C-alpha atoms as a PDB file:
ATOM      1  CA  MET A   1       1.355  13.509  10.817  1.00  0.00           C
ATOM      2  CA  LEU A   2      -2.059  11.705  10.601  1.00  0.00           C
ATOM      3  CA  ALA A   3      -1.455  10.881   6.962  1.00  0.00           C
ATOM      4  CA  SER A   4       1.874   9.298   7.957  1.00  0.00           C
ATOM      5  CA  LEU A   5       0.120   7.162  10.635  1.00  0.00           C
ATOM      6  CA  VAL A   6      -2.431   6.034   8.104  1.00  0.00           C
ATOM      7  CA  ALA A   7       0.370   5.104   5.647  1.00  0.00           C
ATOM      8  CA  ASP A   8       2.350   3.282   8.351  1.00  0.00           C
ATOM      9  CA  ARG A   9      -0.694   1.107   9.127  1.00  0.00           C
ATOM     10  CA  ALA A  10      -1.307   0.399   5.477  1.00  0.00           C
ATOM     11  CA  TRP A  11       2.330  -0.608   4.810  1.00  0.00           C
ATOM     12  CA  GLU A  12       2.299  -2.767   7.898  1.00  0.00           C
ATOM     13  CA  ALA A  13      -0.902  -4.502   6.707  1.00  0.00           C
ATOM     14  CA  LEU A  14       0.623  -5.155   3.272  1.00  0.00           C
ATOM     15  CA  GLY A  15       3.742  -6.604   4.890  1.00  0.00           C
ATOM     16  CA  ASP A  16       1.989  -9.954   5.064  1.00  0.00           C
ATOM     17  CA  PRO A  17       2.248 -11.903   1.801  1.00  0.00           C
ATOM     18  CA  THR A  18      -1.354 -13.249   2.021  1.00  0.00           C
ATOM     19  CA  ARG A  19      -2.813  -9.809   2.667  1.00  0.00           C
ATOM     20  CA  ARG A  20      -0.813  -8.375  -0.118  1.00  0.00           C
ATOM     21  CA  ARG A  21      -2.235 -11.126  -2.454  1.00  0.00           C
ATOM     22  CA  VAL A  22      -5.798 -10.321  -1.225  1.00  0.00           C
ATOM     23  CA  PHE A  23      -5.158  -6.655  -2.012  1.00  0.00           C
ATOM     24  CA  GLU A  24      -3.792  -7.529  -5.485  1.00  0.00           C
ATOM     25  CA  LEU A  25      -6.912  -9.689  -6.220  1.00  0.00           C
ATOM     26  CA  LEU A  26      -9.151  -6.737  -5.198  1.00  0.00           C
ATOM     27  CA  ARG A  27      -7.335  -4.552  -7.808  1.00  0.00           C
ATOM     28  CA  GLU A  28      -9.366  -6.543 -10.358  1.00  0.00           C
ATOM     29  CA  GLY A  29     -12.611  -5.314  -8.767  1.00  0.00           C
ATOM     30  CA  PRO A  30     -14.953  -5.930  -5.816  1.00  0.00           C
ATOM     31  CA  ARG A  31     -15.166  -9.493  -4.644  1.00  0.00           C
ATOM     32  CA  PRO A  32     -16.789 -11.547  -1.905  1.00  0.00           C
ATOM     33  CA  VAL A  33     -14.791 -13.505   0.635  1.00  0.00           C
ATOM     34  CA  GLY A  34     -15.594 -16.851  -1.000  1.00  0.00           C
ATOM     35  CA  GLU A  35     -14.131 -15.833  -4.379  1.00  0.00           C
ATOM     36  CA  LEU A  36     -11.006 -14.590  -2.722  1.00  0.00           C
ATOM     37  CA  ALA A  37     -10.604 -17.773  -0.671  1.00  0.00           C
ATOM     38  CA  ASP A  38     -10.986 -19.884  -3.855  1.00  0.00           C
ATOM     39  CA  GLU A  39      -7.801 -18.280  -5.195  1.00  0.00           C
ATOM     40  CA  LEU A  40      -5.734 -18.453  -1.993  1.00  0.00           C
ATOM     41  CA  PRO A  41      -4.075 -21.236  -0.056  1.00  0.00           C
ATOM     42  CA  VAL A  42      -5.868 -20.259   3.145  1.00  0.00           C
ATOM     43  CA  SER A  43      -9.348 -20.909   4.558  1.00  0.00           C
ATOM     44  CA  ARG A  44     -12.323 -18.636   4.143  1.00  0.00           C
ATOM     45  CA  PRO A  45     -12.174 -17.543   7.818  1.00  0.00           C
ATOM     46  CA  ALA A  46      -8.513 -16.712   7.392  1.00  0.00           C
ATOM     47  CA  VAL A  47      -9.355 -14.538   4.342  1.00  0.00           C
ATOM     48  CA  SER A  48     -11.962 -12.779   6.467  1.00  0.00           C
ATOM     49  CA  GLN A  49      -9.348 -12.035   9.122  1.00  0.00           C
ATOM     50  CA  HIS A  50      -6.917 -10.704   6.542  1.00  0.00           C
ATOM     51  CA  LEU A  51      -9.727  -8.496   5.109  1.00  0.00           C
ATOM     52  CA  ALA A  52     -10.429  -7.174   8.589  1.00  0.00           C
ATOM     53  CA  VAL A  53      -6.768  -6.143   8.959  1.00  0.00           C
ATOM     54  CA  LEU A  54      -6.852  -4.457   5.526  1.00  0.00           C
ATOM     55  CA  ARG A  55     -10.088  -2.737   6.462  1.00  0.00           C
ATOM     56  CA  ASP A  56      -8.664  -1.533   9.807  1.00  0.00           C
ATOM     57  CA  ALA A  57      -5.669  -0.162   7.883  1.00  0.00           C
ATOM     58  CA  GLY A  58      -7.932   1.752   5.588  1.00  0.00           C
ATOM     59  CA  LEU A  59      -7.111  -0.194   2.508  1.00  0.00           C
ATOM     60  CA  VAL A  60     -10.405  -1.904   1.794  1.00  0.00           C
ATOM     61  CA  VAL A  61     -14.078  -1.235   2.336  1.00  0.00           C
ATOM     62  CA  ASP A  62     -16.934  -3.569   2.280  1.00  0.00           C
ATOM     63  CA  GLN A  63     -20.505  -3.168   1.097  1.00  0.00           C
ATOM     64  CA  ARG A  64     -23.534  -5.362   1.682  1.00  0.00           C
ATOM     65  CA  ASP A  65     -24.774  -7.123  -1.467  1.00  0.00           C
ATOM     66  CA  GLY A  66     -27.684  -9.286  -0.573  1.00  0.00           C
ATOM     67  CA  ARG A  67     -26.494 -11.952   1.795  1.00  0.00           C
ATOM     68  CA  ARG A  68     -22.815 -11.331   1.137  1.00  0.00           C
ATOM     69  CA  ASN A  69     -20.242  -8.594   1.614  1.00  0.00           C
ATOM     70  CA  LEU A  70     -18.261  -7.308  -1.356  1.00  0.00           C
ATOM     71  CA  TYR A  71     -14.847  -5.975  -0.651  1.00  0.00           C
ATOM     72  CA  ARG A  72     -13.061  -3.413  -2.760  1.00  0.00           C
ATOM     73  CA  ILE A  73     -10.014  -1.237  -2.481  1.00  0.00           C
ATOM     74  CA  ASP A  74     -10.555   2.032  -0.647  1.00  0.00           C
ATOM     75  CA  PRO A  75      -9.225   4.855  -2.855  1.00  0.00           C
ATOM     76  CA  ASN A  76      -8.480   6.952   0.199  1.00  0.00           C
ATOM     77  CA  GLY A  77      -6.177   4.304   1.637  1.00  0.00           C
ATOM     78  CA  LEU A  78      -4.486   3.833  -1.683  1.00  0.00           C
ATOM     79  CA  ALA A  79      -3.981   7.649  -1.941  1.00  0.00           C
ATOM     80  CA  ALA A  80      -2.255   7.647   1.475  1.00  0.00           C
ATOM     81  CA  LEU A  81       0.172   4.973   0.218  1.00  0.00           C
ATOM     82  CA  ARG A  82       0.797   6.881  -3.005  1.00  0.00           C
ATOM     83  CA  THR A  83       1.503  10.099  -1.060  1.00  0.00           C
ATOM     84  CA  ASP A  84       3.860   8.303   1.198  1.00  0.00           C
ATOM     85  CA  LEU A  85       5.803   6.836  -1.727  1.00  0.00           C
ATOM     86  CA  GLU A  86       5.942  10.121  -3.463  1.00  0.00           C
ATOM     87  CA  THR A  87       7.357  11.774  -0.259  1.00  0.00           C
ATOM     88  CA  MET A  88       9.999   8.994   0.000  1.00  0.00           C
ATOM     89  CA  TRP A  89      10.837   9.354  -3.701  1.00  0.00           C
ATOM     90  CA  ASP A  90      11.189  13.121  -3.397  1.00  0.00           C
ATOM     91  CA  ASP A  91      13.525  12.636  -0.421  1.00  0.00           C
ATOM     92  CA  VAL A  92      15.592  10.116  -2.332  1.00  0.00           C
ATOM     93  CA  LEU A  93      15.862  12.335  -5.400  1.00  0.00           C
ATOM     94  CA  GLY A  94      16.804  15.318  -3.174  1.00  0.00           C
ATOM     95  CA  ALA A  95      19.543  13.336  -1.505  1.00  0.00           C
ATOM     96  CA  PHE A  96      20.879  12.215  -4.870  1.00  0.00           C
ATOM     97  CA  ALA A  97      20.980  15.754  -6.097  1.00  0.00           C
ATOM     98  CA  ASP A  98      22.810  16.887  -3.000  1.00  0.00           C
ATOM     99  CA  ALA A  99      25.356  14.033  -3.424  1.00  0.00           C
ATOM    100  CA  ALA A 100      25.821  14.809  -7.090  1.00  0.00           C
ATOM    101  CA  ALA A 101      26.412  18.450  -6.313  1.00  0.00           C
ATOM    102  CA  ARG A 102      29.066  17.574  -3.721  1.00  0.00           C
ATOM    103  CA  VAL A 103      30.846  15.359  -6.175  1.00  0.00           C
ATOM    104  CA  THR A 104      30.881  17.846  -9.005  1.00  0.00           C
ATOM    105  CA  GLU A 105      31.886  20.921  -6.884  1.00  0.00           C
ATOM    106  CA  PRO A 106      35.440  19.658  -6.291  1.00  0.00           C
ATOM    107  CA  GLU A 107      35.773  18.836  -9.971  1.00  0.00           C
ATOM    108  CA  ARG A 108      34.769  22.447 -10.912  1.00  0.00           C
ATOM    109  CA  GLU A 109      37.300  23.846  -8.459  1.00  0.00           C
ATOM    110  CA  GLU A 110      40.120  21.633  -9.924  1.00  0.00           C
ATOM    111  CA  SER A 111      39.360  22.790 -13.492  1.00  0.00           C
ATOM    112  CA  ARG A 112      39.885  26.475 -12.496  1.00  0.00           C
END
C-alpha cells in the first residue's frame, strides 16, 4: 500500500507539463536550478518550486555542490513508478487474456 501511495504522488507530480520537462532534463544528469531554468519558459524561482514538488514526491534528490544544489533523479522514486506501471501492465494483459478466453470458448463449443 505504501508503494502505491508513493507512486500516486509521483504520477501526480509528473502531471504538470513543466515538472515533467524538468524531470526529462534531469534524465541527462545532475543539474543546478540555473541550468534547468535556462532551458525552460519559466523563472528560476518557478523551477525551484517545481523541483520542490518533485523532491516531495520522491522523484528527485539534491546534493550540495559548493554554493549550489545539484538535482538528480532519485532511482528509488523511479523504481516506484516502474513497479506501478508493471502492475498496471500485468492487470491489462490479464484482462486481455480473460477476454480472449471468453471469445474463443464459444467458438470451441460450436466446432464440436
